[in-house]
Amino acid sequence: MAEADPEDPHLRAPLAHLAGRAPPAPDWFRRAIETPHERATVTVEGARIEWLAWGEPDRPGLLLLHGNGAHADWWRFTAPFLSRTHRVAALSWSGMGGSDHRPRYSIDLFVEESLAVARAAGLGARFAAVGHSFGGFPLMALASRPNTPLARAIILDTPFDPGDRRPRRSRGDPRPHRVYPTLEAALARFRYAPVQPCPNLFITDFIARHSLRQVAGGWTWRFDPFLWRGFTRPQTGDLLTAPRCPVALLWGERSSLMPEPLLASMAARLPPGTPRIPIPDAGHHVMADQPLALVAALRALLALDGERARDSA
């Protein structure tokens, strides 16, 4: 499939033509987002961290970790399907979603946030975790710790470059977010990063609405525009070489961030036998592109882990 044109106005403003109207959504999606769940906060190093949870506390634990600039509600339409067998929790990293902003951020702080949410949500002493995009980096940092509580680390479309040599565009000094006078105007400015086609506009609209907050004068984005100022990124490729728990690698088959050479490099560094599962017809934002296919892949992995745990007991 041809690579998406990042300057395509339909991709840079996928909701603009709706003029603030919510697009029609299928029944499965409406039932999922209406599924009862908990929403609470836990304080980590002085910042309140937002978390959501589904399912009974006596079930095996599953923690869902979102990507850069996203939030826990990105999982609202997939988590209920996973909560039939698991106690599922999703957090918003500090500086994102409904969590507090910090003066400085680090991978270690994000790891502590994930551990605090796992405890607060009652995921148990051992739990599985899925990390999408940026969320895969703190996921694997936790997986590499001695005595990690992770029973399984599932990487979801996270590009682990062994030398951190991916090109980066200079964006200049970060600036405060723009305030849009109306919700319609703000929704019209939403786009995915990286820019990609939006096959499910009802999901795009849901994500966009939960990415905004009302302020004096209108609406603005919830994530901290200064989050990456002063952030020291670790050599993330090294995180693949010594996990202390089983790992699985999932990615969108159309993802612009997971080219074949990078996938081969990641597979060579992961432990032998690591499951590798491409999600068909999905770009980088796998849960937005193919949510039910992602649910099916996760269910299969988690079921196999459960069977192995029962056999070894």
Protein backbone atom coordinates (compact mmCIF):
# COMPACT_ATOMS: atom_id res chain seq x y z
CA MET A 1 0.00 0.00 0.00
CA ALA A 2 1.31 3.47 -0.84
CA GLU A 3 2.68 5.52 2.03
CA ALA A 4 0.31 8.19 3.38
CA ASP A 5 1.03 11.72 2.25
CA PRO A 6 1.60 13.73 5.48
CA GLU A 7 0.40 16.89 3.69
CA ASP A 8 -2.93 15.36 2.63
CA PRO A 9 -5.57 17.71 4.11
CA HIS A 10 -7.94 14.79 4.70
CA LEU A 11 -5.33 13.12 6.92
CA ARG A 12 -4.17 16.30 8.64
CA ALA A 13 -7.75 17.20 9.61
CA PRO A 14 -9.81 13.96 9.43
CA LEU A 15 -12.73 15.35 11.49
CA ALA A 16 -13.00 18.83 9.93
CA HIS A 17 -15.72 17.89 7.45
CA LEU A 18 -17.98 16.74 10.30
CA ALA A 19 -18.23 20.30 11.70
CA GLY A 20 -18.30 19.04 15.27
CA ARG A 21 -20.86 16.26 14.69
CA ALA A 22 -20.11 12.79 16.02
CA PRO A 23 -20.05 10.21 13.19
CA PRO A 24 -22.23 7.09 13.40
CA ALA A 25 -20.71 4.22 15.37
CA PRO A 26 -21.43 0.47 15.35
CA ASP A 27 -23.21 -1.23 18.24
CA TRP A 28 -20.10 -3.05 19.47
CA PHE A 29 -18.29 0.26 19.93
CA ARG A 30 -21.17 1.92 21.78
CA ARG A 31 -21.53 -1.07 24.10
CA ALA A 32 -17.79 -1.06 24.81
CA ILE A 33 -17.49 2.60 25.76
CA GLU A 34 -20.64 2.36 27.87
CA THR A 35 -19.27 -0.62 29.83
CA PRO A 36 -19.07 0.33 33.54
CA HIS A 37 -15.54 1.00 34.71
CA GLU A 38 -13.65 2.68 37.52
CA ARG A 39 -11.87 6.01 37.10
CA ALA A 40 -9.54 7.13 39.88
CA THR A 41 -6.11 8.63 40.60
CA VAL A 42 -3.03 7.58 42.51
CA THR A 43 -0.24 9.98 43.53
CA VAL A 44 3.29 9.22 42.32
CA GLU A 45 6.17 11.54 43.21
CA GLY A 46 3.76 14.43 43.79
CA ALA A 47 1.66 13.99 40.63
CA ARG A 48 -1.84 12.54 40.45
CA ILE A 49 -1.96 9.74 37.87
CA GLU A 50 -5.30 8.95 36.25
CA TRP A 51 -6.29 5.31 35.84
CA LEU A 52 -9.28 3.31 34.59
CA ALA A 53 -10.16 -0.30 35.42
CA TRP A 54 -12.54 -3.01 34.23
CA GLY A 55 -13.30 -6.54 35.41
CA GLU A 56 -13.23 -8.43 38.69
CA PRO A 57 -10.22 -7.98 41.01
CA ASP A 58 -9.70 -11.74 41.46
CA ARG A 59 -8.88 -12.24 37.77
CA PRO A 60 -5.36 -12.19 36.27
CA GLY A 61 -4.05 -8.64 35.85
CA LEU A 62 -3.48 -6.77 32.57
CA LEU A 63 -2.07 -3.23 32.35
CA LEU A 64 -2.50 -1.13 29.18
CA LEU A 65 0.06 1.60 28.43
CA HIS A 66 -0.65 4.26 25.80
CA GLY A 67 1.63 6.22 23.48
CA ASN A 68 2.96 9.76 23.31
CA GLY A 69 0.32 12.47 23.70
CA ALA A 70 -2.45 9.91 24.20
CA HIS A 71 -4.39 8.90 27.33
CA ALA A 72 -6.14 6.02 29.07
CA ASP A 73 -9.36 6.49 27.08
CA TRP A 74 -7.57 5.23 23.96
CA TRP A 75 -8.25 1.78 25.48
CA ARG A 76 -11.94 2.33 26.33
CA PHE A 77 -13.25 0.45 23.29
CA THR A 78 -10.91 -2.59 23.59
CA ALA A 79 -10.44 -3.06 27.36
CA PRO A 80 -14.00 -4.34 28.01
CA PHE A 81 -13.42 -7.29 25.65
CA LEU A 82 -10.29 -8.21 27.61
CA SER A 83 -11.98 -7.82 31.00
CA ARG A 84 -14.05 -10.97 30.46
CA THR A 85 -11.01 -12.97 31.60
CA HIS A 86 -8.77 -10.32 33.23
CA ARG A 87 -8.72 -7.44 35.66
CA VAL A 88 -7.72 -4.69 33.21
CA ALA A 89 -6.32 -1.25 34.03
CA ALA A 90 -5.16 1.62 31.81
CA LEU A 91 -3.31 4.74 32.96
CA SER A 92 -2.62 8.19 31.59
CA TRP A 93 1.09 8.98 31.90
CA SER A 94 1.95 12.15 33.81
CA GLY A 95 1.72 15.10 31.44
CA MET A 96 -1.00 13.37 29.42
CA GLY A 97 -4.74 12.78 29.65
CA GLY A 98 -6.22 13.58 33.04
CA SER A 99 -2.92 13.15 34.92
CA ASP A 100 -0.97 16.03 36.44
CA HIS A 101 1.87 17.76 34.60
CA ARG A 102 5.42 17.68 36.02
CA PRO A 103 8.39 20.03 35.72
CA ARG A 104 10.49 17.09 34.45
CA TYR A 105 9.76 13.59 33.16
CA SER A 106 11.78 10.38 32.79
CA ILE A 107 11.41 6.72 31.86
CA ASP A 108 12.02 5.77 35.51
CA LEU A 109 9.14 8.01 36.62
CA PHE A 110 6.86 6.42 34.03
CA VAL A 111 7.84 2.96 35.29
CA GLU A 112 6.95 4.00 38.85
CA GLU A 113 3.60 5.31 37.61
CA SER A 114 2.82 1.97 35.98
CA LEU A 115 3.69 0.08 39.17
CA ALA A 116 1.60 2.41 41.32
CA VAL A 117 -1.43 2.00 39.06
CA ALA A 118 -1.03 -1.79 39.02
CA ARG A 119 -1.13 -1.78 42.83
CA ALA A 120 -4.01 0.70 43.09
CA ALA A 121 -6.11 -1.18 40.52
CA GLY A 122 -5.49 -4.56 42.17
CA LEU A 123 -3.72 -6.32 39.29
CA GLY A 124 -1.96 -8.72 41.63
CA ALA A 125 1.66 -9.62 42.28
CA ARG A 126 2.17 -10.74 38.67
CA PHE A 127 0.43 -9.19 35.68
CA ALA A 128 0.74 -8.86 31.92
CA ALA A 129 1.17 -5.48 30.22
CA VAL A 130 0.76 -4.04 26.72
CA GLY A 131 2.74 -0.97 25.68
CA HIS A 132 1.71 0.89 22.52
CA SER A 133 4.17 3.16 20.70
CA PHE A 134 6.03 5.24 23.34
CA GLY A 135 4.39 3.06 26.01
CA GLY A 136 6.60 0.18 24.90
CA PHE A 137 9.71 1.92 26.27
CA PRO A 138 8.68 2.07 29.96
CA LEU A 139 7.12 -1.37 29.44
CA MET A 140 10.47 -2.90 28.49
CA ALA A 141 12.31 -0.87 31.13
CA LEU A 142 10.05 -2.56 33.68
CA ALA A 143 10.44 -5.95 31.97
CA SER A 144 14.25 -5.61 32.31
CA ARG A 145 14.20 -4.97 36.06
CA PRO A 146 15.27 -7.76 38.43
CA ASN A 147 12.20 -9.34 40.05
CA THR A 148 9.89 -7.67 37.55
CA PRO A 149 6.21 -8.21 38.34
CA LEU A 150 5.45 -8.70 34.65
CA ALA A 151 4.19 -12.12 33.62
CA ARG A 152 4.25 -11.03 29.94
CA ALA A 153 5.37 -7.84 28.15
CA ILE A 154 3.53 -7.20 24.87
CA ILE A 155 5.16 -4.60 22.63
CA LEU A 156 2.61 -2.97 20.30
CA ASP A 157 4.14 -1.06 17.36
CA THR A 158 7.06 0.42 19.30
CA PRO A 159 10.10 1.17 17.11
CA PHE A 160 13.14 0.08 19.15
CA ASP A 161 16.06 1.52 17.18
CA PRO A 162 19.30 -0.05 18.49
CA GLY A 163 21.29 3.15 17.98
CA ASP A 164 18.49 5.69 18.39
CA ARG A 165 19.45 6.95 14.93
CA ARG A 166 15.98 7.68 13.58
CA PRO A 167 15.84 11.16 12.03
CA ARG A 168 14.09 13.83 14.08
CA ARG A 169 12.65 17.03 12.75
CA SER A 170 13.43 20.17 14.69
CA ARG A 171 10.23 21.77 15.96
CA GLY A 172 11.89 24.74 17.65
CA ASP A 173 11.11 25.74 21.20
CA PRO A 174 7.90 24.25 22.62
CA ARG A 175 5.00 26.66 23.02
CA PRO A 176 1.78 26.62 25.03
CA HIS A 177 -1.15 25.00 23.29
CA ARG A 178 -3.43 27.14 21.20
CA VAL A 179 -6.91 27.73 22.65
CA TYR A 180 -9.72 27.13 20.14
CA PRO A 181 -12.91 29.16 20.60
CA THR A 182 -15.26 26.20 20.09
CA LEU A 183 -15.19 22.42 20.42
CA GLU A 184 -15.92 22.20 16.69
CA ALA A 185 -12.81 24.24 15.88
CA ALA A 186 -10.65 22.11 18.18
CA LEU A 187 -11.90 18.80 16.76
CA ALA A 188 -11.15 20.07 13.27
CA ARG A 189 -7.47 20.38 14.25
CA PHE A 190 -7.07 16.84 15.58
CA ARG A 191 -4.81 14.47 13.66
CA TYR A 192 -2.81 11.34 14.37
CA ALA A 193 0.95 11.43 14.75
CA PRO A 194 2.35 10.04 12.56
CA VAL A 195 -0.26 11.12 10.03
CA GLN A 196 -2.12 8.12 8.64
CA PRO A 197 -5.50 7.17 7.12
CA CYS A 198 -8.42 7.03 9.58
CA PRO A 199 -10.60 4.03 8.66
CA ASN A 200 -12.83 4.32 11.75
CA LEU A 201 -13.89 7.95 12.11
CA PHE A 202 -16.07 7.12 15.11
CA ILE A 203 -12.92 6.05 16.99
CA THR A 204 -10.97 9.09 15.81
CA ASP A 205 -13.80 11.35 17.01
CA PHE A 206 -13.98 9.60 20.41
CA ILE A 207 -10.21 9.86 20.93
CA ALA A 208 -10.17 13.52 19.87
CA ARG A 209 -12.99 14.53 22.24
CA HIS A 210 -11.18 12.90 25.17
CA SER A 211 -7.93 14.61 24.19
CA LEU A 212 -9.38 18.08 24.85
CA ARG A 213 -10.25 20.09 27.95
CA GLN A 214 -12.30 23.23 28.37
CA VAL A 215 -10.43 26.33 29.58
CA ALA A 216 -11.08 30.05 29.74
CA GLY A 217 -11.75 31.17 26.18
CA GLY A 218 -12.45 27.76 24.66
CA TRP A 219 -10.83 24.35 24.28
CA THR A 220 -7.24 23.11 24.28
CA TRP A 221 -5.24 19.86 24.30
CA ARG A 222 -4.73 18.00 27.56
CA PHE A 223 -1.12 16.87 27.11
CA ASP A 224 1.80 18.94 28.40
CA PRO A 225 3.38 20.83 25.45
CA PHE A 226 6.65 21.05 27.41
CA LEU A 227 6.79 17.33 28.27
CA TRP A 228 9.86 16.49 26.18
CA ARG A 229 11.86 19.60 27.07
CA GLY A 230 14.83 18.33 29.06
CA PHE A 231 13.75 14.70 28.77
CA THR A 232 16.77 12.40 28.42
CA ARG A 233 15.88 9.46 26.24
CA PRO A 234 17.68 6.21 27.14
CA GLN A 235 19.22 3.90 24.58
CA THR A 236 15.92 2.15 24.05
CA GLY A 237 17.23 -0.55 21.74
CA ASP A 238 19.15 -2.06 24.64
CA LEU A 239 15.88 -2.74 26.47
CA LEU A 240 15.13 -5.67 24.17
CA THR A 241 18.21 -7.68 25.03
CA ALA A 242 17.62 -8.73 28.64
CA PRO A 243 13.94 -8.95 29.58
CA ARG A 244 13.19 -10.86 32.79
CA CYS A 245 9.81 -12.10 31.51
CA PRO A 246 8.31 -13.50 28.29
CA VAL A 247 7.83 -10.92 25.54
CA ALA A 248 5.60 -10.72 22.46
CA LEU A 249 5.88 -8.33 19.52
CA LEU A 250 2.75 -7.04 17.75
CA TRP A 251 2.65 -4.37 15.06
CA GLY A 252 0.42 -2.89 12.39
CA GLU A 253 1.23 -4.38 9.00
CA ARG A 254 0.86 -0.92 7.42
CA SER A 255 2.70 0.96 10.18
CA SER A 256 5.11 3.59 8.87
CA LEU A 257 7.18 3.21 12.07
CA MET A 258 7.85 -0.53 11.70
CA PRO A 259 9.67 -1.10 8.38
CA GLU A 260 11.00 -4.58 7.60
CA PRO A 261 14.66 -3.81 8.44
CA LEU A 262 13.69 -2.50 11.89
CA LEU A 263 11.43 -5.50 12.55
CA ALA A 264 14.28 -7.83 11.63
CA SER A 265 16.65 -5.94 13.92
CA MET A 266 14.18 -6.10 16.81
CA ALA A 267 13.52 -9.81 16.27
CA ALA A 268 17.27 -10.51 16.36
CA ARG A 269 17.59 -8.81 19.74
CA LEU A 270 14.51 -10.31 21.36
CA PRO A 271 14.74 -13.71 23.08
CA PRO A 272 14.46 -16.74 20.78
CA GLY A 273 10.89 -17.92 20.39
CA THR A 274 9.34 -14.49 21.02
CA PRO A 275 5.90 -14.46 19.33
CA ARG A 276 5.71 -11.97 16.43
CA ILE A 277 2.20 -11.09 15.31
CA PRO A 278 1.40 -8.54 12.56
CA ILE A 279 -2.10 -7.07 12.73
CA PRO A 280 -3.49 -7.01 9.16
CA ASP A 281 -4.56 -3.73 7.56
CA ALA A 282 -3.48 -1.67 10.59
CA GLY A 283 -1.25 1.38 10.69
CA HIS A 284 0.71 2.58 13.70
CA HIS A 285 -2.41 3.32 15.78
CA VAL A 286 -3.43 -0.33 15.85
CA MET A 287 -6.30 -0.05 18.34
CA ALA A 288 -7.89 2.71 16.27
CA ASP A 289 -7.41 0.93 12.92
CA GLN A 290 -8.22 -2.69 13.75
CA PRO A 291 -9.51 -2.82 17.34
CA LEU A 292 -11.25 -6.19 17.15
CA ALA A 293 -8.31 -7.87 15.39
CA LEU A 294 -6.07 -6.52 18.15
CA VAL A 295 -8.43 -7.88 20.81
CA ALA A 296 -8.36 -11.31 19.15
CA ALA A 297 -4.53 -11.36 19.08
CA LEU A 298 -4.28 -10.28 22.73
CA ARG A 299 -6.91 -12.81 23.83
CA ALA A 300 -4.99 -15.61 22.13
CA LEU A 301 -1.68 -14.63 23.74
CA LEU A 302 -3.20 -14.24 27.20
CA ALA A 303 -5.09 -17.55 26.91
CA LEU A 304 -1.88 -19.40 26.05
CA ASP A 305 -0.11 -17.80 29.00
CA GLY A 306 -2.97 -18.85 31.26
CA GLU A 307 -2.80 -22.44 30.05
CA ARG A 308 0.97 -22.57 30.61
CA ALA A 309 0.57 -21.13 34.12
CA ARG A 310 -2.04 -23.77 34.99
CA ASP A 311 0.12 -26.58 33.56
CA SER A 312 3.14 -25.50 35.62
CA ALA A 313 1.16 -25.08 38.87
